[in-house]
Amino acid sequence: MQQRIASGRDAAQAETARPTGAGSQIILGIDPSLRGTGYGVIDTREATPATLCQGTIHCPTDWPLSRCLREISESLEAILQKTKPTAAAVEGLFHAQNIRTALVMSQARGAALAVLAKAGLEVFEIAPRKVKQAIVGYGAAQKEAVAKMVQTRLALPELPEPDAADALAIALTYAQSIGTPFPDKAIKPV
């Protein structure tokens, strides 16, 4: 351990894991799911971040997997074109008890990550519990509590849809981490 500290290796690794960028950013948050991928874009130039767009990419249950992945990809590409984000944050992997569910969710996440990588964005993943902790103050908070807090913090006139609220919460959590003196292990580069 002392050898790694002396060589500066840990400091260099921590530096690459820290959200970067001084000042304001336009941040895209994504809550990936095959049937309802939430997205939210915030602009952090003001004290209260402005919501540029938010919503859910819906894929009906009768659509095959390939059509859903295409819909997610094309919708995110349009959002990128419209909002020009400078960074992106995606909900991290969670522990699913059903392997099939985990595989399908991972495919939706992969489609989103491919679009973000193609756009050249710096992408971070944030653990779901970290998002709830950062937004509500409790890592096991319910979806409605997250949505209400997001509505309050972004001064939204209406409660956002659950998946969009989660995506906006992810973007807000990333925004809070910018410029912090210590890297947060729950926020990792993808």
C-alpha atoms as a PDB file:
ATOM      1  CA  MET A   1       0.000   0.000   0.000  1.00  0.00           C
ATOM      2  CA  GLN A   2       2.746   2.463   0.950  1.00  0.00           C
ATOM      3  CA  GLN A   3       4.571   1.640  -2.278  1.00  0.00           C
ATOM      4  CA  ARG A   4       1.463   2.461  -4.362  1.00  0.00           C
ATOM      5  CA  ILE A   5       0.989   5.720  -2.481  1.00  0.00           C
ATOM      6  CA  ALA A   6       4.651   6.646  -2.921  1.00  0.00           C
ATOM      7  CA  SER A   7       4.464   5.930  -6.650  1.00  0.00           C
ATOM      8  CA  GLY A   8       1.352   8.059  -7.008  1.00  0.00           C
ATOM      9  CA  ARG A   9      -0.544   5.185  -8.642  1.00  0.00           C
ATOM     10  CA  ASP A  10      -3.614   5.472  -6.408  1.00  0.00           C
ATOM     11  CA  ALA A  11      -3.776   9.228  -6.932  1.00  0.00           C
ATOM     12  CA  ALA A  12      -3.616   8.802 -10.701  1.00  0.00           C
ATOM     13  CA  GLN A  13      -6.344   6.150 -10.642  1.00  0.00           C
ATOM     14  CA  ALA A  14      -8.528   8.356  -8.447  1.00  0.00           C
ATOM     15  CA  GLU A  15      -8.007  11.260 -10.827  1.00  0.00           C
ATOM     16  CA  THR A  16      -9.382   9.271 -13.775  1.00  0.00           C
ATOM     17  CA  ALA A  17     -12.407   8.143 -11.758  1.00  0.00           C
ATOM     18  CA  ARG A  18     -13.438  11.664 -10.791  1.00  0.00           C
ATOM     19  CA  PRO A  19     -16.095  13.508 -12.781  1.00  0.00           C
ATOM     20  CA  THR A  20     -14.294  16.291 -14.580  1.00  0.00           C
ATOM     21  CA  GLY A  21     -15.143  19.645 -15.965  1.00  0.00           C
ATOM     22  CA  ALA A  22     -14.991  22.994 -14.327  1.00  0.00           C
ATOM     23  CA  GLY A  23     -18.083  25.102 -14.158  1.00  0.00           C
ATOM     24  CA  SER A  24     -21.382  24.327 -15.762  1.00  0.00           C
ATOM     25  CA  GLN A  25     -22.164  21.357 -17.891  1.00  0.00           C
ATOM     26  CA  ILE A  26     -25.099  19.968 -19.782  1.00  0.00           C
ATOM     27  CA  ILE A  27     -25.616  16.517 -18.307  1.00  0.00           C
ATOM     28  CA  LEU A  28     -27.625  13.655 -19.761  1.00  0.00           C
ATOM     29  CA  GLY A  29     -28.887  11.133 -17.223  1.00  0.00           C
ATOM     30  CA  ILE A  30     -30.123   7.724 -18.383  1.00  0.00           C
ATOM     31  CA  ASP A  31     -32.081   5.053 -16.523  1.00  0.00           C
ATOM     32  CA  PRO A  32     -31.859   2.150 -18.997  1.00  0.00           C
ATOM     33  CA  SER A  33     -34.597  -0.426 -19.384  1.00  0.00           C
ATOM     34  CA  LEU A  34     -35.906  -2.367 -22.357  1.00  0.00           C
ATOM     35  CA  ARG A  35     -39.536  -1.256 -22.047  1.00  0.00           C
ATOM     36  CA  GLY A  36     -39.029   2.184 -20.514  1.00  0.00           C
ATOM     37  CA  THR A  37     -35.650   3.915 -20.735  1.00  0.00           C
ATOM     38  CA  GLY A  38     -35.767   7.161 -18.795  1.00  0.00           C
ATOM     39  CA  TYR A  39     -33.747  10.173 -19.866  1.00  0.00           C
ATOM     40  CA  GLY A  40     -33.222  13.649 -18.501  1.00  0.00           C
ATOM     41  CA  VAL A  41     -30.959  16.491 -19.557  1.00  0.00           C
ATOM     42  CA  ILE A  42     -30.050  19.300 -17.177  1.00  0.00           C
ATOM     43  CA  ASP A  43     -28.064  22.502 -17.643  1.00  0.00           C
ATOM     44  CA  THR A  44     -26.047  23.420 -14.546  1.00  0.00           C
ATOM     45  CA  ARG A  45     -25.233  27.050 -15.420  1.00  0.00           C
ATOM     46  CA  GLU A  46     -27.639  28.452 -12.804  1.00  0.00           C
ATOM     47  CA  ALA A  47     -27.911  27.741  -9.076  1.00  0.00           C
ATOM     48  CA  THR A  48     -31.053  25.739  -9.809  1.00  0.00           C
ATOM     49  CA  PRO A  49     -30.263  23.460 -12.755  1.00  0.00           C
ATOM     50  CA  ALA A  50     -32.583  23.877 -15.733  1.00  0.00           C
ATOM     51  CA  THR A  51     -34.278  20.848 -17.246  1.00  0.00           C
ATOM     52  CA  LEU A  52     -33.707  20.895 -21.006  1.00  0.00           C
ATOM     53  CA  CYS A  53     -35.727  17.763 -21.709  1.00  0.00           C
ATOM     54  CA  GLN A  54     -36.925  14.637 -19.984  1.00  0.00           C
ATOM     55  CA  GLY A  55     -39.072  11.636 -20.721  1.00  0.00           C
ATOM     56  CA  THR A  56     -39.268   7.911 -21.260  1.00  0.00           C
ATOM     57  CA  ILE A  57     -38.468   5.915 -24.377  1.00  0.00           C
ATOM     58  CA  HIS A  58     -41.340   3.417 -24.440  1.00  0.00           C
ATOM     59  CA  CYS A  59     -41.113   0.075 -26.240  1.00  0.00           C
ATOM     60  CA  PRO A  60     -44.325  -2.001 -26.289  1.00  0.00           C
ATOM     61  CA  THR A  61     -44.155  -5.577 -25.006  1.00  0.00           C
ATOM     62  CA  ASP A  62     -45.021  -6.968 -28.441  1.00  0.00           C
ATOM     63  CA  TRP A  63     -41.876  -5.452 -29.983  1.00  0.00           C
ATOM     64  CA  PRO A  64     -38.939  -7.819 -30.463  1.00  0.00           C
ATOM     65  CA  LEU A  65     -35.686  -7.104 -28.651  1.00  0.00           C
ATOM     66  CA  SER A  66     -33.927  -5.817 -31.766  1.00  0.00           C
ATOM     67  CA  ARG A  67     -36.632  -3.227 -32.457  1.00  0.00           C
ATOM     68  CA  CYS A  68     -36.484  -2.004 -28.846  1.00  0.00           C
ATOM     69  CA  LEU A  69     -32.698  -1.625 -28.969  1.00  0.00           C
ATOM     70  CA  ARG A  70     -32.998   0.317 -32.221  1.00  0.00           C
ATOM     71  CA  GLU A  71     -35.672   2.579 -30.707  1.00  0.00           C
ATOM     72  CA  ILE A  72     -33.498   3.264 -27.664  1.00  0.00           C
ATOM     73  CA  SER A  73     -30.462   4.015 -29.851  1.00  0.00           C
ATOM     74  CA  GLU A  74     -32.271   6.268 -32.327  1.00  0.00           C
ATOM     75  CA  SER A  75     -34.148   8.153 -29.616  1.00  0.00           C
ATOM     76  CA  LEU A  76     -30.962   8.824 -27.654  1.00  0.00           C
ATOM     77  CA  GLU A  77     -29.186   9.970 -30.828  1.00  0.00           C
ATOM     78  CA  ALA A  78     -31.995  12.507 -31.404  1.00  0.00           C
ATOM     79  CA  ILE A  79     -31.744  13.709 -27.794  1.00  0.00           C
ATOM     80  CA  LEU A  80     -27.975  14.147 -28.175  1.00  0.00           C
ATOM     81  CA  GLN A  81     -28.468  16.161 -31.366  1.00  0.00           C
ATOM     82  CA  LYS A  82     -31.096  18.372 -29.726  1.00  0.00           C
ATOM     83  CA  THR A  83     -29.404  19.057 -26.378  1.00  0.00           C
ATOM     84  CA  LYS A  84     -25.650  18.685 -27.034  1.00  0.00           C
ATOM     85  CA  PRO A  85     -24.700  17.344 -23.571  1.00  0.00           C
ATOM     86  CA  THR A  86     -21.117  17.624 -22.352  1.00  0.00           C
ATOM     87  CA  ALA A  87     -21.282  14.551 -20.064  1.00  0.00           C
ATOM     88  CA  ALA A  88     -23.516  11.572 -19.429  1.00  0.00           C
ATOM     89  CA  ALA A  89     -24.358   9.494 -16.388  1.00  0.00           C
ATOM     90  CA  VAL A  90     -26.027   6.097 -16.505  1.00  0.00           C
ATOM     91  CA  GLU A  91     -27.519   4.077 -13.685  1.00  0.00           C
ATOM     92  CA  GLY A  92     -25.073   1.401 -12.621  1.00  0.00           C
ATOM     93  CA  LEU A  93     -25.746  -2.292 -12.620  1.00  0.00           C
ATOM     94  CA  PHE A  94     -27.954  -3.714  -9.927  1.00  0.00           C
ATOM     95  CA  HIS A  95     -28.272  -7.206  -8.518  1.00  0.00           C
ATOM     96  CA  ALA A  96     -31.147  -8.959 -10.291  1.00  0.00           C
ATOM     97  CA  GLN A  97     -32.464 -12.232  -8.996  1.00  0.00           C
ATOM     98  CA  ASN A  98     -33.714 -13.212 -12.439  1.00  0.00           C
ATOM     99  CA  ILE A  99     -30.855 -13.815 -14.883  1.00  0.00           C
ATOM    100  CA  ARG A 100     -33.061 -13.250 -17.949  1.00  0.00           C
ATOM    101  CA  THR A 101     -34.118  -9.846 -16.610  1.00  0.00           C
ATOM    102  CA  ALA A 102     -30.490  -8.931 -15.943  1.00  0.00           C
ATOM    103  CA  LEU A 103     -29.478  -9.894 -19.492  1.00  0.00           C
ATOM    104  CA  VAL A 104     -32.282  -7.909 -21.111  1.00  0.00           C
ATOM    105  CA  MET A 105     -31.530  -4.868 -18.928  1.00  0.00           C
ATOM    106  CA  SER A 106     -27.855  -5.139 -19.805  1.00  0.00           C
ATOM    107  CA  GLN A 107     -28.682  -5.158 -23.512  1.00  0.00           C
ATOM    108  CA  ALA A 108     -30.717  -1.947 -23.161  1.00  0.00           C
ATOM    109  CA  ARG A 109     -27.861  -0.405 -21.168  1.00  0.00           C
ATOM    110  CA  GLY A 110     -25.393  -1.510 -23.839  1.00  0.00           C
ATOM    111  CA  ALA A 111     -27.434   0.150 -26.578  1.00  0.00           C
ATOM    112  CA  ALA A 112     -27.400   3.405 -24.607  1.00  0.00           C
ATOM    113  CA  LEU A 113     -23.678   3.187 -23.851  1.00  0.00           C
ATOM    114  CA  ALA A 114     -22.861   2.545 -27.515  1.00  0.00           C
ATOM    115  CA  VAL A 115     -24.690   5.733 -28.540  1.00  0.00           C
ATOM    116  CA  LEU A 116     -22.913   7.764 -25.844  1.00  0.00           C
ATOM    117  CA  ALA A 117     -19.505   6.355 -26.812  1.00  0.00           C
ATOM    118  CA  LYS A 118     -20.147   7.069 -30.497  1.00  0.00           C
ATOM    119  CA  ALA A 119     -20.936  10.681 -29.566  1.00  0.00           C
ATOM    120  CA  GLY A 120     -17.583  10.926 -27.752  1.00  0.00           C
ATOM    121  CA  LEU A 121     -19.128  11.779 -24.389  1.00  0.00           C
ATOM    122  CA  GLU A 122     -17.451  11.199 -21.072  1.00  0.00           C
ATOM    123  CA  VAL A 123     -19.737   8.618 -19.428  1.00  0.00           C
ATOM    124  CA  PHE A 124     -20.055   7.686 -15.765  1.00  0.00           C
ATOM    125  CA  GLU A 125     -22.140   5.067 -14.024  1.00  0.00           C
ATOM    126  CA  ILE A 126     -23.674   5.725 -10.650  1.00  0.00           C
ATOM    127  CA  ALA A 127     -24.866   3.053  -8.251  1.00  0.00           C
ATOM    128  CA  PRO A 128     -28.649   3.157  -7.719  1.00  0.00           C
ATOM    129  CA  ARG A 129     -28.293   3.435  -3.934  1.00  0.00           C
ATOM    130  CA  LYS A 130     -25.909   6.374  -4.370  1.00  0.00           C
ATOM    131  CA  VAL A 131     -28.487   8.213  -6.481  1.00  0.00           C
ATOM    132  CA  LYS A 132     -31.209   7.726  -3.859  1.00  0.00           C
ATOM    133  CA  GLN A 133     -28.809   8.745  -1.089  1.00  0.00           C
ATOM    134  CA  ALA A 134     -27.738  11.890  -2.952  1.00  0.00           C
ATOM    135  CA  ILE A 135     -31.266  12.981  -3.881  1.00  0.00           C
ATOM    136  CA  VAL A 136     -33.434  11.867  -0.951  1.00  0.00           C
ATOM    137  CA  GLY A 137     -30.851  11.231   1.760  1.00  0.00           C
ATOM    138  CA  TYR A 138     -31.790   7.566   2.089  1.00  0.00           C
ATOM    139  CA  GLY A 139     -30.315   4.796  -0.085  1.00  0.00           C
ATOM    140  CA  ALA A 140     -33.461   2.660  -0.036  1.00  0.00           C
ATOM    141  CA  ALA A 141     -35.904   5.483  -0.864  1.00  0.00           C
ATOM    142  CA  GLN A 142     -39.021   4.692  -2.874  1.00  0.00           C
ATOM    143  CA  LYS A 143     -39.410   5.868  -6.492  1.00  0.00           C
ATOM    144  CA  GLU A 144     -42.112   8.396  -5.531  1.00  0.00           C
ATOM    145  CA  ALA A 145     -39.841  10.050  -2.957  1.00  0.00           C
ATOM    146  CA  VAL A 146     -37.108  10.376  -5.603  1.00  0.00           C
ATOM    147  CA  ALA A 147     -39.591  11.864  -8.108  1.00  0.00           C
ATOM    148  CA  LYS A 148     -40.887  14.411  -5.579  1.00  0.00           C
ATOM    149  CA  MET A 149     -37.380  15.498  -4.626  1.00  0.00           C
ATOM    150  CA  VAL A 150     -36.376  15.803  -8.297  1.00  0.00           C
ATOM    151  CA  GLN A 151     -39.477  17.920  -8.926  1.00  0.00           C
ATOM    152  CA  THR A 152     -38.544  20.192  -6.025  1.00  0.00           C
ATOM    153  CA  ARG A 153     -34.841  20.484  -6.860  1.00  0.00           C
ATOM    154  CA  LEU A 154     -35.459  21.226 -10.545  1.00  0.00           C
ATOM    155  CA  ALA A 155     -38.530  23.417  -9.902  1.00  0.00           C
ATOM    156  CA  LEU A 156     -40.623  21.304 -12.267  1.00  0.00           C
ATOM    157  CA  PRO A 157     -44.317  22.216 -12.549  1.00  0.00           C
ATOM    158  CA  GLU A 158     -45.356  18.534 -12.542  1.00  0.00           C
ATOM    159  CA  LEU A 159     -44.081  15.310 -11.076  1.00  0.00           C
ATOM    160  CA  PRO A 160     -41.962  13.606 -13.769  1.00  0.00           C
ATOM    161  CA  GLU A 161     -42.711  10.041 -14.906  1.00  0.00           C
ATOM    162  CA  PRO A 162     -40.912   7.493 -12.683  1.00  0.00           C
ATOM    163  CA  ASP A 163     -38.243   6.514 -15.260  1.00  0.00           C
ATOM    164  CA  ALA A 164     -37.639  10.135 -16.274  1.00  0.00           C
ATOM    165  CA  ALA A 165     -37.428  11.128 -12.590  1.00  0.00           C
ATOM    166  CA  ASP A 166     -34.775   8.458 -12.041  1.00  0.00           C
ATOM    167  CA  ALA A 167     -32.792   9.721 -15.048  1.00  0.00           C
ATOM    168  CA  LEU A 168     -32.985  13.319 -13.815  1.00  0.00           C
ATOM    169  CA  ALA A 169     -31.868  12.119 -10.363  1.00  0.00           C
ATOM    170  CA  ILE A 170     -28.870  10.420 -11.979  1.00  0.00           C
ATOM    171  CA  ALA A 171     -27.955  13.658 -13.782  1.00  0.00           C
ATOM    172  CA  LEU A 172     -28.336  15.669 -10.555  1.00  0.00           C
ATOM    173  CA  THR A 173     -26.171  13.212  -8.626  1.00  0.00           C
ATOM    174  CA  TYR A 174     -23.453  13.518 -11.247  1.00  0.00           C
ATOM    175  CA  ALA A 175     -23.731  17.335 -11.138  1.00  0.00           C
ATOM    176  CA  GLN A 176     -23.259  17.295  -7.355  1.00  0.00           C
ATOM    177  CA  SER A 177     -20.068  15.263  -7.726  1.00  0.00           C
ATOM    178  CA  ILE A 178     -18.331  17.686 -10.082  1.00  0.00           C
ATOM    179  CA  GLY A 179     -15.484  19.480  -8.378  1.00  0.00           C
ATOM    180  CA  THR A 180     -15.647  17.567  -5.114  1.00  0.00           C
ATOM    181  CA  PRO A 181     -12.239  17.205  -3.487  1.00  0.00           C
ATOM    182  CA  PHE A 182     -12.469  13.429  -3.099  1.00  0.00           C
ATOM    183  CA  PRO A 183     -13.572  10.954  -5.756  1.00  0.00           C
ATOM    184  CA  ASP A 184     -16.754   9.066  -4.982  1.00  0.00           C
ATOM    185  CA  LYS A 185     -16.317   5.304  -5.406  1.00  0.00           C
ATOM    186  CA  ALA A 186     -20.000   4.986  -6.323  1.00  0.00           C
ATOM    187  CA  ILE A 187     -19.423   7.120  -9.456  1.00  0.00           C
ATOM    188  CA  LYS A 188     -17.232   5.291 -11.958  1.00  0.00           C
ATOM    189  CA  PRO A 189     -16.152   5.988 -15.521  1.00  0.00           C
ATOM    190  CA  VAL A 190     -17.596   3.600 -18.063  1.00  0.00           C
END
